[in-house]
Amino acid sequence: MRRWTEELATLMRFGGVGVLATLVHIAVAAAVFWCWASVSPFLANVLAFLVAFQVSLWGHRRFTFRRQGRSGRFFLIALAGFAANNGILASLLATTSISGLPAVAISTLLVPLAMFVAARLWAFA
């Protein structure tokens, strides 16, 4: 029972760090769109990812898993999540009338659970 309680606590911490990183991602994308209205949503998404990744790595090392972990592995997991994020973004842009910041925000919100499982089992095991 204790193991499940610990895992639930880890999941909650992961969620908190993830929410912070997601808010940073969306805020950076919004700032990019605000400063450069004609920017490609993909470029805004890349810039936002690079900043949010730093927040995520720091938070997961410091709070979620409370260990250094393997940065390279975590970066690969983050890149896989980012690839999924961009796939969703491309799909939204191609098949709906959603564009710009709303499309980036939606695509950013859909990936985190898979990221937790991969980070827990591979990067911070």
C-alpha atoms as a PDB file:
ATOM      1  CA  MET A   1       0.000   0.000   0.000  1.00  0.00           C
ATOM      2  CA  ARG A   2       2.835   2.361   0.840  1.00  0.00           C
ATOM      3  CA  ARG A   3       4.301   1.901  -2.660  1.00  0.00           C
ATOM      4  CA  TRP A   4       1.027   3.041  -4.254  1.00  0.00           C
ATOM      5  CA  THR A   5       0.866   6.045  -1.950  1.00  0.00           C
ATOM      6  CA  GLU A   6       4.423   7.015  -2.879  1.00  0.00           C
ATOM      7  CA  GLU A   7       3.676   6.618  -6.588  1.00  0.00           C
ATOM      8  CA  LEU A   8       0.541   8.726  -6.261  1.00  0.00           C
ATOM      9  CA  ALA A   9       2.561  11.432  -4.493  1.00  0.00           C
ATOM     10  CA  THR A  10       5.159  11.275  -7.285  1.00  0.00           C
ATOM     11  CA  LEU A  11       2.394  11.558  -9.887  1.00  0.00           C
ATOM     12  CA  MET A  12       0.962  14.592  -8.072  1.00  0.00           C
ATOM     13  CA  ARG A  13       4.379  16.276  -7.971  1.00  0.00           C
ATOM     14  CA  PHE A  14       4.874  15.435 -11.648  1.00  0.00           C
ATOM     15  CA  GLY A  15       1.518  17.030 -12.379  1.00  0.00           C
ATOM     16  CA  GLY A  16       2.453  20.187 -10.476  1.00  0.00           C
ATOM     17  CA  VAL A  17       5.764  20.548 -12.297  1.00  0.00           C
ATOM     18  CA  GLY A  18       4.012  19.689 -15.553  1.00  0.00           C
ATOM     19  CA  VAL A  19       1.364  22.353 -15.021  1.00  0.00           C
ATOM     20  CA  LEU A  20       4.091  24.915 -14.354  1.00  0.00           C
ATOM     21  CA  ALA A  21       6.072  23.849 -17.446  1.00  0.00           C
ATOM     22  CA  THR A  22       2.895  23.870 -19.549  1.00  0.00           C
ATOM     23  CA  LEU A  23       1.993  27.376 -18.366  1.00  0.00           C
ATOM     24  CA  VAL A  24       5.528  28.524 -19.181  1.00  0.00           C
ATOM     25  CA  HIS A  25       5.247  26.888 -22.622  1.00  0.00           C
ATOM     26  CA  ILE A  26       1.963  28.645 -23.377  1.00  0.00           C
ATOM     27  CA  ALA A  27       3.192  31.976 -21.933  1.00  0.00           C
ATOM     28  CA  VAL A  28       6.365  31.902 -24.032  1.00  0.00           C
ATOM     29  CA  ALA A  29       4.343  31.028 -27.148  1.00  0.00           C
ATOM     30  CA  ALA A  30       1.956  33.896 -26.360  1.00  0.00           C
ATOM     31  CA  ALA A  31       4.888  36.278 -25.940  1.00  0.00           C
ATOM     32  CA  VAL A  32       6.346  35.152 -29.271  1.00  0.00           C
ATOM     33  CA  PHE A  33       2.980  35.682 -31.018  1.00  0.00           C
ATOM     34  CA  TRP A  34       2.609  39.054 -29.305  1.00  0.00           C
ATOM     35  CA  CYS A  35       6.070  40.227 -30.415  1.00  0.00           C
ATOM     36  CA  TRP A  36       5.907  38.666 -33.884  1.00  0.00           C
ATOM     37  CA  ALA A  37       2.324  38.323 -35.108  1.00  0.00           C
ATOM     38  CA  SER A  38       3.198  36.561 -38.369  1.00  0.00           C
ATOM     39  CA  VAL A  39       5.403  33.890 -36.759  1.00  0.00           C
ATOM     40  CA  SER A  40       4.830  30.275 -37.706  1.00  0.00           C
ATOM     41  CA  PRO A  41       3.014  28.389 -34.923  1.00  0.00           C
ATOM     42  CA  PHE A  42       5.744  25.725 -35.234  1.00  0.00           C
ATOM     43  CA  LEU A  43       8.543  28.222 -34.557  1.00  0.00           C
ATOM     44  CA  ALA A  44       6.642  29.665 -31.600  1.00  0.00           C
ATOM     45  CA  ASN A  45       6.147  26.115 -30.342  1.00  0.00           C
ATOM     46  CA  VAL A  46       9.873  25.282 -30.652  1.00  0.00           C
ATOM     47  CA  LEU A  47      10.927  28.392 -28.748  1.00  0.00           C
ATOM     48  CA  ALA A  48       8.336  27.723 -26.051  1.00  0.00           C
ATOM     49  CA  PHE A  49       9.445  24.080 -25.784  1.00  0.00           C
ATOM     50  CA  LEU A  50      13.084  25.043 -25.262  1.00  0.00           C
ATOM     51  CA  VAL A  51      12.213  27.287 -22.326  1.00  0.00           C
ATOM     52  CA  ALA A  52       9.600  24.960 -20.817  1.00  0.00           C
ATOM     53  CA  PHE A  53      11.999  21.997 -21.040  1.00  0.00           C
ATOM     54  CA  GLN A  54      14.404  23.765 -18.688  1.00  0.00           C
ATOM     55  CA  VAL A  55      11.607  24.383 -16.189  1.00  0.00           C
ATOM     56  CA  SER A  56      10.494  20.766 -16.479  1.00  0.00           C
ATOM     57  CA  LEU A  57      13.971  19.270 -16.046  1.00  0.00           C
ATOM     58  CA  TRP A  58      14.728  21.445 -13.023  1.00  0.00           C
ATOM     59  CA  GLY A  59      11.363  20.729 -11.407  1.00  0.00           C
ATOM     60  CA  HIS A  60      11.491  16.988 -11.928  1.00  0.00           C
ATOM     61  CA  ARG A  61      15.027  16.755 -10.606  1.00  0.00           C
ATOM     62  CA  ARG A  62      14.321  18.938  -7.613  1.00  0.00           C
ATOM     63  CA  PHE A  63      10.753  18.027  -6.650  1.00  0.00           C
ATOM     64  CA  THR A  64       9.150  15.178  -8.577  1.00  0.00           C
ATOM     65  CA  PHE A  65      11.761  12.438  -8.486  1.00  0.00           C
ATOM     66  CA  ARG A  66      14.250  14.114  -6.115  1.00  0.00           C
ATOM     67  CA  ARG A  67      17.290  12.802  -7.934  1.00  0.00           C
ATOM     68  CA  GLN A  68      19.523  13.811 -10.813  1.00  0.00           C
ATOM     69  CA  GLY A  69      18.206  11.209 -13.214  1.00  0.00           C
ATOM     70  CA  ARG A  70      19.580  10.909 -16.694  1.00  0.00           C
ATOM     71  CA  SER A  71      19.306  14.248 -18.491  1.00  0.00           C
ATOM     72  CA  GLY A  72      19.955  12.704 -21.893  1.00  0.00           C
ATOM     73  CA  ARG A  73      17.169  10.186 -21.449  1.00  0.00           C
ATOM     74  CA  PHE A  74      14.820  12.846 -20.160  1.00  0.00           C
ATOM     75  CA  PHE A  75      15.655  15.029 -23.164  1.00  0.00           C
ATOM     76  CA  LEU A  76      14.825  12.111 -25.502  1.00  0.00           C
ATOM     77  CA  ILE A  77      11.508  11.628 -23.703  1.00  0.00           C
ATOM     78  CA  ALA A  78      10.840  15.362 -23.960  1.00  0.00           C
ATOM     79  CA  LEU A  79      11.689  15.273 -27.684  1.00  0.00           C
ATOM     80  CA  ALA A  80       9.269  12.382 -28.182  1.00  0.00           C
ATOM     81  CA  GLY A  81       6.612  14.378 -26.341  1.00  0.00           C
ATOM     82  CA  PHE A  82       7.459  17.414 -28.435  1.00  0.00           C
ATOM     83  CA  ALA A  83       7.152  15.323 -31.626  1.00  0.00           C
ATOM     84  CA  ALA A  84       3.698  14.183 -30.473  1.00  0.00           C
ATOM     85  CA  ASN A  85       2.879  17.795 -29.591  1.00  0.00           C
ATOM     86  CA  ASN A  86       3.891  18.932 -33.092  1.00  0.00           C
ATOM     87  CA  GLY A  87       1.936  16.101 -34.695  1.00  0.00           C
ATOM     88  CA  ILE A  88      -1.175  17.212 -32.858  1.00  0.00           C
ATOM     89  CA  LEU A  89      -0.412  20.834 -33.751  1.00  0.00           C
ATOM     90  CA  ALA A  90      -0.030  19.970 -37.461  1.00  0.00           C
ATOM     91  CA  SER A  91      -3.277  18.013 -37.360  1.00  0.00           C
ATOM     92  CA  LEU A  92      -5.148  20.888 -35.712  1.00  0.00           C
ATOM     93  CA  LEU A  93      -3.789  23.406 -38.199  1.00  0.00           C
ATOM     94  CA  ALA A  94      -4.584  21.184 -41.197  1.00  0.00           C
ATOM     95  CA  THR A  95      -8.031  19.924 -40.222  1.00  0.00           C
ATOM     96  CA  THR A  96      -9.666  22.644 -38.139  1.00  0.00           C
ATOM     97  CA  SER A  97     -10.076  26.388 -38.152  1.00  0.00           C
ATOM     98  CA  ILE A  98      -8.009  26.614 -34.945  1.00  0.00           C
ATOM     99  CA  SER A  99      -4.776  28.537 -35.485  1.00  0.00           C
ATOM    100  CA  GLY A 100      -1.928  30.256 -33.686  1.00  0.00           C
ATOM    101  CA  LEU A 101      -1.834  30.284 -29.913  1.00  0.00           C
ATOM    102  CA  PRO A 102      -5.008  28.212 -29.316  1.00  0.00           C
ATOM    103  CA  ALA A 103      -3.596  25.405 -31.473  1.00  0.00           C
ATOM    104  CA  VAL A 104      -0.266  25.505 -29.616  1.00  0.00           C
ATOM    105  CA  ALA A 105      -2.076  25.484 -26.247  1.00  0.00           C
ATOM    106  CA  ILE A 106      -4.294  22.506 -27.150  1.00  0.00           C
ATOM    107  CA  SER A 107      -1.403  20.476 -28.532  1.00  0.00           C
ATOM    108  CA  THR A 108       0.663  21.236 -25.418  1.00  0.00           C
ATOM    109  CA  LEU A 109      -2.051  20.054 -23.028  1.00  0.00           C
ATOM    110  CA  LEU A 110      -2.543  16.606 -24.584  1.00  0.00           C
ATOM    111  CA  VAL A 111       0.869  14.938 -24.057  1.00  0.00           C
ATOM    112  CA  PRO A 112       1.762  14.960 -20.307  1.00  0.00           C
ATOM    113  CA  LEU A 113       0.525  11.549 -19.083  1.00  0.00           C
ATOM    114  CA  ALA A 114       2.695   9.604 -21.534  1.00  0.00           C
ATOM    115  CA  MET A 115       5.586  11.828 -20.484  1.00  0.00           C
ATOM    116  CA  PHE A 116       5.096  10.828 -16.820  1.00  0.00           C
ATOM    117  CA  VAL A 117       5.179   7.112 -17.557  1.00  0.00           C
ATOM    118  CA  ALA A 118       8.309   7.395 -19.710  1.00  0.00           C
ATOM    119  CA  ALA A 119      10.115   9.682 -17.245  1.00  0.00           C
ATOM    120  CA  ARG A 120       9.246   7.471 -14.272  1.00  0.00           C
ATOM    121  CA  LEU A 121      10.222   4.194 -15.899  1.00  0.00           C
ATOM    122  CA  TRP A 122      13.232   5.255 -17.942  1.00  0.00           C
ATOM    123  CA  ALA A 123      14.811   8.619 -17.072  1.00  0.00           C
ATOM    124  CA  PHE A 124      14.292   8.660 -13.305  1.00  0.00           C
ATOM    125  CA  ALA A 125      13.996   4.927 -12.551  1.00  0.00           C
END
